[in-house]
Amino acid sequence: MTYYPDLSRYSYDQSSRDMLNVGWLSAEHGYRKGLVDERVVEALSILCASYENQMRGIHHCEFCDADRPFVFGGPAGDTKVLLGSAEIRVEGENGTCYAAPNLVLHYITEHQYCLPEEFCQAAVRAAKFEAAEELTLVE
């Protein structure tokens, strides 16, 4: 998969919006590890079912042998969503937009990737969870 540092300017595909990258990991680059609040994982599971920028190709995890990871997502948690070919996009409270590959869910749950806090806040708000300001990330 294409690597972009977290919070760098989005340039993976053309977009009419200015966005920042989150979660575009590569085995050739280190990444921040830690525990992510379960509400963030839940929010991303909900949001991944309404993905954006669906691509024809599939990106596989460079960190393990997972063969086409998936999650059960969507509002009811009953939609099987294959990871590795679409993006999750969210807008922060200050209007900043973020774009993450939906494979980011696999990175969090299987490889302890710790997302930038501002993206976590935006994802939780986008999924309409309460108390997003109380999220805790542990490095």
N, C-alpha and C. Protein backbone atom coordinates (compact mmCIF):
# COMPACT_ATOMS: atom_id res chain seq x y z
N MET A 1 0.85 -1.17 0.00
CA MET A 1 0.00 0.00 0.00
C MET A 1 0.89 1.23 0.00
N THR A 2 0.38 2.30 -0.51
CA THR A 2 1.09 3.56 -0.51
C THR A 2 1.23 4.06 0.92
N TYR A 3 2.40 4.54 1.27
CA TYR A 3 2.66 5.07 2.61
C TYR A 3 2.56 6.59 2.59
N TYR A 4 1.88 7.14 3.58
CA TYR A 4 1.85 8.57 3.83
C TYR A 4 1.96 8.78 5.33
N PRO A 5 2.78 9.71 5.78
CA PRO A 5 2.86 9.99 7.23
C PRO A 5 1.52 10.52 7.73
N ASP A 6 1.19 10.16 8.97
CA ASP A 6 -0.04 10.68 9.58
C ASP A 6 -0.04 12.20 9.56
N LEU A 7 -1.19 12.74 9.24
CA LEU A 7 -1.49 14.17 9.21
C LEU A 7 -0.75 14.92 8.11
N SER A 8 -0.22 14.19 7.13
CA SER A 8 0.33 14.85 5.94
C SER A 8 -0.83 15.13 4.98
N ARG A 9 -0.58 15.98 4.02
CA ARG A 9 -1.63 16.35 3.06
C ARG A 9 -2.02 15.14 2.19
N TYR A 10 -3.31 14.90 2.05
CA TYR A 10 -3.84 13.79 1.27
C TYR A 10 -3.52 13.99 -0.21
N SER A 11 -2.99 12.93 -0.85
CA SER A 11 -2.73 13.02 -2.29
C SER A 11 -2.88 11.66 -2.98
N TYR A 12 -3.50 10.70 -2.31
CA TYR A 12 -3.65 9.37 -2.89
C TYR A 12 -4.49 9.39 -4.16
N ASP A 13 -5.56 10.15 -4.13
CA ASP A 13 -6.46 10.24 -5.27
C ASP A 13 -6.92 11.69 -5.36
N GLN A 14 -7.49 12.07 -6.48
CA GLN A 14 -7.99 13.43 -6.62
C GLN A 14 -9.21 13.63 -5.73
N SER A 15 -9.27 14.78 -5.12
CA SER A 15 -10.41 15.13 -4.28
C SER A 15 -10.62 16.63 -4.37
N SER A 16 -11.86 17.04 -4.28
CA SER A 16 -12.17 18.46 -4.29
C SER A 16 -11.95 19.09 -2.91
N ARG A 17 -11.69 18.25 -1.90
CA ARG A 17 -11.50 18.74 -0.53
C ARG A 17 -10.04 18.58 -0.13
N ASP A 18 -9.57 19.50 0.68
CA ASP A 18 -8.26 19.33 1.31
C ASP A 18 -8.46 18.37 2.46
N MET A 19 -7.61 17.35 2.53
CA MET A 19 -7.71 16.35 3.61
C MET A 19 -6.33 16.01 4.11
N LEU A 20 -6.31 15.38 5.30
CA LEU A 20 -5.08 14.89 5.89
C LEU A 20 -5.12 13.38 5.95
N ASN A 21 -3.96 12.76 5.75
CA ASN A 21 -3.83 11.31 5.79
C ASN A 21 -3.76 10.78 7.22
N VAL A 22 -4.36 9.62 7.42
CA VAL A 22 -4.26 8.89 8.68
C VAL A 22 -4.24 7.41 8.34
N GLY A 23 -3.29 6.69 8.90
CA GLY A 23 -3.31 5.23 8.79
C GLY A 23 -2.82 4.63 7.50
N TRP A 24 -2.08 5.36 6.70
CA TRP A 24 -1.53 4.81 5.45
C TRP A 24 -0.17 4.21 5.79
N LEU A 25 -0.18 3.03 6.41
CA LEU A 25 1.02 2.40 6.95
C LEU A 25 1.74 1.54 5.93
N SER A 26 3.01 1.29 6.21
CA SER A 26 3.83 0.44 5.38
C SER A 26 4.83 -0.28 6.29
N ALA A 27 5.18 -1.49 5.93
CA ALA A 27 6.16 -2.27 6.70
C ALA A 27 7.53 -1.61 6.68
N GLU A 28 7.77 -0.74 5.73
CA GLU A 28 9.06 -0.07 5.63
C GLU A 28 9.18 1.15 6.54
N HIS A 29 8.11 1.53 7.20
CA HIS A 29 8.10 2.71 8.06
C HIS A 29 7.52 2.34 9.43
N GLY A 30 8.10 2.91 10.48
CA GLY A 30 7.55 2.70 11.82
C GLY A 30 6.24 3.45 11.98
N TYR A 31 5.51 3.10 13.02
CA TYR A 31 4.26 3.79 13.32
C TYR A 31 4.05 3.79 14.83
N ARG A 32 3.23 4.71 15.27
CA ARG A 32 2.93 4.87 16.69
C ARG A 32 2.05 3.71 17.16
N LYS A 33 2.46 3.06 18.25
CA LYS A 33 1.69 1.95 18.80
C LYS A 33 1.08 2.34 20.13
N GLY A 34 -0.03 1.70 20.45
CA GLY A 34 -0.71 1.95 21.71
C GLY A 34 -2.10 1.35 21.69
N LEU A 35 -2.84 1.60 22.73
CA LEU A 35 -4.22 1.14 22.83
C LEU A 35 -5.15 2.25 22.40
N VAL A 36 -6.15 1.89 21.64
CA VAL A 36 -7.13 2.85 21.14
C VAL A 36 -8.45 2.59 21.85
N ASP A 37 -9.10 3.64 22.29
CA ASP A 37 -10.39 3.53 22.98
C ASP A 37 -11.35 2.69 22.15
N GLU A 38 -12.06 1.80 22.80
CA GLU A 38 -12.99 0.89 22.11
C GLU A 38 -14.07 1.65 21.34
N ARG A 39 -14.43 2.86 21.79
CA ARG A 39 -15.43 3.66 21.06
C ARG A 39 -14.92 4.05 19.68
N VAL A 40 -13.61 4.23 19.55
CA VAL A 40 -13.03 4.56 18.25
C VAL A 40 -13.16 3.36 17.31
N VAL A 41 -12.84 2.18 17.83
CA VAL A 41 -12.96 0.96 17.03
C VAL A 41 -14.42 0.76 16.61
N GLU A 42 -15.34 0.96 17.54
CA GLU A 42 -16.77 0.83 17.21
C GLU A 42 -17.18 1.85 16.16
N ALA A 43 -16.73 3.09 16.34
CA ALA A 43 -17.09 4.16 15.39
C ALA A 43 -16.57 3.83 14.00
N LEU A 44 -15.32 3.39 13.91
CA LEU A 44 -14.75 3.05 12.61
C LEU A 44 -15.45 1.85 11.99
N SER A 45 -15.90 0.91 12.82
CA SER A 45 -16.66 -0.24 12.31
C SER A 45 -17.97 0.21 11.69
N ILE A 46 -18.60 1.19 12.31
CA ILE A 46 -19.83 1.75 11.76
C ILE A 46 -19.55 2.49 10.46
N LEU A 47 -18.52 3.33 10.48
CA LEU A 47 -18.22 4.18 9.34
C LEU A 47 -17.68 3.41 8.14
N CYS A 48 -17.02 2.28 8.38
CA CYS A 48 -16.42 1.55 7.26
C CYS A 48 -17.47 0.96 6.33
N ALA A 49 -18.69 0.80 6.80
CA ALA A 49 -19.75 0.26 5.95
C ALA A 49 -20.29 1.31 4.97
N SER A 50 -20.00 2.58 5.24
CA SER A 50 -20.40 3.64 4.30
C SER A 50 -19.14 4.28 3.74
N TYR A 51 -18.28 3.42 3.24
CA TYR A 51 -16.96 3.82 2.76
C TYR A 51 -17.02 4.81 1.61
N GLU A 52 -15.88 5.42 1.37
CA GLU A 52 -15.72 6.34 0.25
C GLU A 52 -14.53 5.90 -0.58
N ASN A 53 -14.45 6.40 -1.77
CA ASN A 53 -13.33 6.19 -2.68
C ASN A 53 -12.99 4.71 -2.85
N GLN A 54 -14.01 3.93 -3.17
CA GLN A 54 -13.84 2.49 -3.41
C GLN A 54 -12.93 2.29 -4.62
N MET A 55 -11.93 1.44 -4.48
CA MET A 55 -10.99 1.15 -5.56
C MET A 55 -11.24 -0.25 -6.09
N ARG A 56 -10.73 -0.54 -7.26
CA ARG A 56 -10.87 -1.88 -7.83
C ARG A 56 -9.87 -2.85 -7.23
N GLY A 57 -8.69 -2.38 -6.89
CA GLY A 57 -7.66 -3.25 -6.34
C GLY A 57 -7.84 -3.48 -4.85
N ILE A 58 -7.04 -4.40 -4.34
CA ILE A 58 -7.09 -4.73 -2.92
C ILE A 58 -5.70 -4.55 -2.34
N HIS A 59 -5.62 -3.86 -1.21
CA HIS A 59 -4.36 -3.72 -0.48
C HIS A 59 -4.35 -4.75 0.63
N HIS A 60 -3.32 -5.53 0.68
CA HIS A 60 -3.17 -6.53 1.73
C HIS A 60 -2.33 -5.96 2.86
N CYS A 61 -2.48 -6.50 4.04
CA CYS A 61 -1.69 -6.07 5.19
C CYS A 61 -0.24 -6.47 4.97
N GLU A 62 0.66 -5.51 5.11
CA GLU A 62 2.09 -5.77 4.95
C GLU A 62 2.73 -6.31 6.23
N PHE A 63 1.96 -6.36 7.31
CA PHE A 63 2.51 -6.76 8.60
C PHE A 63 2.20 -8.21 8.98
N CYS A 64 1.28 -8.83 8.28
CA CYS A 64 0.90 -10.21 8.61
C CYS A 64 0.36 -10.91 7.37
N ASP A 65 -0.02 -12.14 7.56
CA ASP A 65 -0.53 -12.94 6.44
C ASP A 65 -2.04 -12.95 6.34
N ALA A 66 -2.69 -11.96 6.93
CA ALA A 66 -4.15 -11.92 6.88
C ALA A 66 -4.62 -11.92 5.44
N ASP A 67 -5.47 -12.86 5.11
CA ASP A 67 -5.99 -12.96 3.76
C ASP A 67 -7.33 -12.24 3.69
N ARG A 68 -7.30 -11.04 3.20
CA ARG A 68 -8.50 -10.22 3.03
C ARG A 68 -9.28 -10.06 4.33
N PRO A 69 -8.70 -9.30 5.29
CA PRO A 69 -9.41 -9.09 6.57
C PRO A 69 -10.76 -8.41 6.36
N PHE A 70 -11.66 -8.66 7.28
CA PHE A 70 -12.98 -8.05 7.23
C PHE A 70 -13.45 -7.76 8.64
N VAL A 71 -14.47 -6.94 8.74
CA VAL A 71 -15.15 -6.66 10.00
C VAL A 71 -16.64 -6.72 9.74
N PHE A 72 -17.39 -6.88 10.81
CA PHE A 72 -18.83 -6.69 10.73
C PHE A 72 -19.08 -5.27 11.18
N GLY A 73 -19.61 -4.45 10.28
CA GLY A 73 -19.78 -3.04 10.56
C GLY A 73 -21.17 -2.55 10.26
N GLY A 74 -21.25 -1.24 10.08
CA GLY A 74 -22.54 -0.59 9.86
C GLY A 74 -23.23 -0.31 11.17
N PRO A 75 -24.32 0.44 11.12
CA PRO A 75 -25.03 0.83 12.34
C PRO A 75 -25.47 -0.34 13.21
N ALA A 76 -25.86 -1.45 12.61
CA ALA A 76 -26.32 -2.61 13.39
C ALA A 76 -25.20 -3.62 13.61
N GLY A 77 -24.03 -3.37 13.02
CA GLY A 77 -22.91 -4.29 13.18
C GLY A 77 -23.09 -5.62 12.47
N ASP A 78 -23.94 -5.65 11.46
CA ASP A 78 -24.24 -6.92 10.79
C ASP A 78 -23.87 -6.93 9.30
N THR A 79 -23.12 -5.91 8.86
CA THR A 79 -22.71 -5.84 7.46
C THR A 79 -21.26 -6.29 7.35
N LYS A 80 -21.01 -7.32 6.57
CA LYS A 80 -19.64 -7.78 6.38
C LYS A 80 -18.93 -6.81 5.44
N VAL A 81 -17.85 -6.21 5.93
CA VAL A 81 -17.10 -5.23 5.15
C VAL A 81 -15.68 -5.75 4.95
N LEU A 82 -15.33 -5.98 3.70
CA LEU A 82 -13.96 -6.40 3.37
C LEU A 82 -13.06 -5.18 3.44
N LEU A 83 -11.92 -5.33 4.07
CA LEU A 83 -11.00 -4.22 4.25
C LEU A 83 -9.89 -4.24 3.20
N GLY A 84 -9.45 -3.06 2.80
CA GLY A 84 -8.32 -2.96 1.90
C GLY A 84 -8.60 -2.38 0.53
N SER A 85 -9.81 -1.84 0.32
CA SER A 85 -10.08 -1.29 -1.00
C SER A 85 -10.91 0.00 -0.98
N ALA A 86 -11.03 0.62 0.18
CA ALA A 86 -11.82 1.84 0.27
C ALA A 86 -11.27 2.72 1.39
N GLU A 87 -11.86 3.88 1.56
CA GLU A 87 -11.43 4.83 2.57
C GLU A 87 -12.55 5.16 3.53
N ILE A 88 -12.15 5.58 4.71
CA ILE A 88 -13.05 6.16 5.69
C ILE A 88 -12.68 7.63 5.76
N ARG A 89 -13.64 8.50 5.55
CA ARG A 89 -13.38 9.94 5.61
C ARG A 89 -14.25 10.57 6.68
N VAL A 90 -13.64 11.41 7.49
CA VAL A 90 -14.37 12.08 8.56
C VAL A 90 -13.92 13.53 8.64
N GLU A 91 -14.79 14.36 9.19
CA GLU A 91 -14.49 15.78 9.36
C GLU A 91 -14.38 16.09 10.84
N GLY A 92 -13.30 16.78 11.21
CA GLY A 92 -13.09 17.18 12.59
C GLY A 92 -13.93 18.38 12.96
N GLU A 93 -13.95 18.66 14.24
CA GLU A 93 -14.76 19.77 14.76
C GLU A 93 -14.34 21.10 14.16
N ASN A 94 -13.06 21.25 13.83
CA ASN A 94 -12.56 22.51 13.27
C ASN A 94 -12.67 22.56 11.75
N GLY A 95 -13.32 21.55 11.13
CA GLY A 95 -13.50 21.51 9.70
C GLY A 95 -12.43 20.75 8.94
N THR A 96 -11.39 20.29 9.63
CA THR A 96 -10.34 19.51 8.98
C THR A 96 -10.90 18.15 8.59
N CYS A 97 -10.64 17.74 7.35
CA CYS A 97 -11.08 16.42 6.88
C CYS A 97 -9.91 15.46 6.91
N TYR A 98 -10.22 14.21 7.23
CA TYR A 98 -9.22 13.16 7.32
C TYR A 98 -9.63 12.00 6.41
N ALA A 99 -8.64 11.35 5.80
CA ALA A 99 -8.89 10.18 4.96
C ALA A 99 -8.00 9.05 5.45
N ALA A 100 -8.61 7.90 5.70
CA ALA A 100 -7.88 6.72 6.16
C ALA A 100 -8.30 5.52 5.32
N PRO A 101 -7.38 4.64 4.99
CA PRO A 101 -7.79 3.40 4.32
C PRO A 101 -8.64 2.59 5.30
N ASN A 102 -9.64 1.90 4.81
CA ASN A 102 -10.47 1.15 5.77
C ASN A 102 -9.68 -0.01 6.41
N LEU A 103 -8.54 -0.34 5.88
CA LEU A 103 -7.66 -1.33 6.49
C LEU A 103 -7.13 -0.85 7.85
N VAL A 104 -7.35 0.42 8.15
CA VAL A 104 -6.92 0.97 9.43
C VAL A 104 -7.55 0.20 10.60
N LEU A 105 -8.74 -0.33 10.42
CA LEU A 105 -9.36 -1.13 11.49
C LEU A 105 -8.53 -2.36 11.82
N HIS A 106 -8.01 -3.01 10.82
CA HIS A 106 -7.14 -4.16 11.02
C HIS A 106 -5.85 -3.73 11.71
N TYR A 107 -5.28 -2.61 11.29
CA TYR A 107 -4.05 -2.12 11.90
C TYR A 107 -4.23 -1.85 13.39
N ILE A 108 -5.37 -1.31 13.76
CA ILE A 108 -5.65 -1.01 15.17
C ILE A 108 -5.79 -2.29 15.98
N THR A 109 -6.64 -3.19 15.51
CA THR A 109 -6.98 -4.37 16.30
C THR A 109 -5.91 -5.44 16.28
N GLU A 110 -5.15 -5.54 15.20
CA GLU A 110 -4.16 -6.62 15.09
C GLU A 110 -2.71 -6.17 15.27
N HIS A 111 -2.44 -4.88 15.05
CA HIS A 111 -1.05 -4.43 15.07
C HIS A 111 -0.82 -3.23 15.99
N GLN A 112 -1.80 -2.93 16.85
CA GLN A 112 -1.69 -1.90 17.88
C GLN A 112 -1.36 -0.51 17.34
N TYR A 113 -1.79 -0.23 16.12
CA TYR A 113 -1.60 1.12 15.57
C TYR A 113 -2.41 2.10 16.40
N CYS A 114 -1.78 3.19 16.79
CA CYS A 114 -2.44 4.22 17.60
C CYS A 114 -2.65 5.46 16.73
N LEU A 115 -3.89 5.73 16.42
CA LEU A 115 -4.28 6.84 15.55
C LEU A 115 -4.05 8.20 16.20
N PRO A 116 -3.89 9.25 15.40
CA PRO A 116 -3.85 10.59 15.97
C PRO A 116 -5.17 10.91 16.69
N GLU A 117 -5.07 11.56 17.81
CA GLU A 117 -6.25 11.82 18.63
C GLU A 117 -7.32 12.62 17.90
N GLU A 118 -6.91 13.61 17.09
CA GLU A 118 -7.90 14.43 16.41
C GLU A 118 -8.73 13.61 15.42
N PHE A 119 -8.13 12.60 14.81
CA PHE A 119 -8.88 11.70 13.93
C PHE A 119 -9.86 10.86 14.76
N CYS A 120 -9.40 10.38 15.91
CA CYS A 120 -10.28 9.58 16.78
C CYS A 120 -11.50 10.38 17.19
N GLN A 121 -11.28 11.62 17.59
CA GLN A 121 -12.39 12.49 17.99
C GLN A 121 -13.38 12.66 16.83
N ALA A 122 -12.84 12.91 15.64
CA ALA A 122 -13.70 13.12 14.46
C ALA A 122 -14.49 11.86 14.13
N ALA A 123 -13.86 10.69 14.22
CA ALA A 123 -14.55 9.43 13.90
C ALA A 123 -15.68 9.17 14.89
N VAL A 124 -15.41 9.38 16.15
CA VAL A 124 -16.44 9.14 17.17
C VAL A 124 -17.60 10.10 16.98
N ARG A 125 -17.30 11.36 16.69
CA ARG A 125 -18.38 12.33 16.43
C ARG A 125 -19.17 11.95 15.19
N ALA A 126 -18.47 11.52 14.14
CA ALA A 126 -19.14 11.15 12.89
C ALA A 126 -20.07 9.96 13.09
N ALA A 127 -19.71 9.05 14.01
CA ALA A 127 -20.56 7.90 14.29
C ALA A 127 -21.62 8.24 15.33
N LYS A 128 -21.63 9.49 15.78
CA LYS A 128 -22.64 10.02 16.69
C LYS A 128 -22.61 9.39 18.08
N PHE A 129 -21.39 9.11 18.57
CA PHE A 129 -21.23 8.65 19.94
C PHE A 129 -21.18 9.85 20.87
N GLU A 130 -21.50 9.62 22.11
CA GLU A 130 -21.44 10.67 23.13
C GLU A 130 -20.03 10.76 23.70
N ALA A 131 -19.72 11.87 24.31
CA ALA A 131 -18.51 12.08 25.10
C ALA A 131 -17.21 11.83 24.33
N ALA A 132 -17.16 12.31 23.11
CA ALA A 132 -15.94 12.13 22.33
C ALA A 132 -14.75 12.84 22.98
N GLU A 133 -15.01 13.92 23.74
CA GLU A 133 -13.93 14.66 24.36
C GLU A 133 -13.23 13.87 25.46
N GLU A 134 -13.81 12.77 25.91
CA GLU A 134 -13.22 11.98 26.98
C GLU A 134 -12.44 10.77 26.47
N LEU A 135 -12.17 10.70 25.21
CA LEU A 135 -11.42 9.56 24.66
C LEU A 135 -10.02 9.55 25.24
N THR A 136 -9.51 8.35 25.45
CA THR A 136 -8.14 8.23 25.93
C THR A 136 -7.37 7.29 25.02
N LEU A 137 -6.17 7.71 24.69
CA LEU A 137 -5.24 6.89 23.91
C LEU A 137 -4.05 6.61 24.79
N VAL A 138 -3.56 5.39 24.79
CA VAL A 138 -2.43 5.03 25.61
C VAL A 138 -1.29 4.57 24.71
N GLU A 139 -0.15 5.23 24.84
CA GLU A 139 1.01 4.83 24.02
C GLU A 139 1.88 3.87 24.80
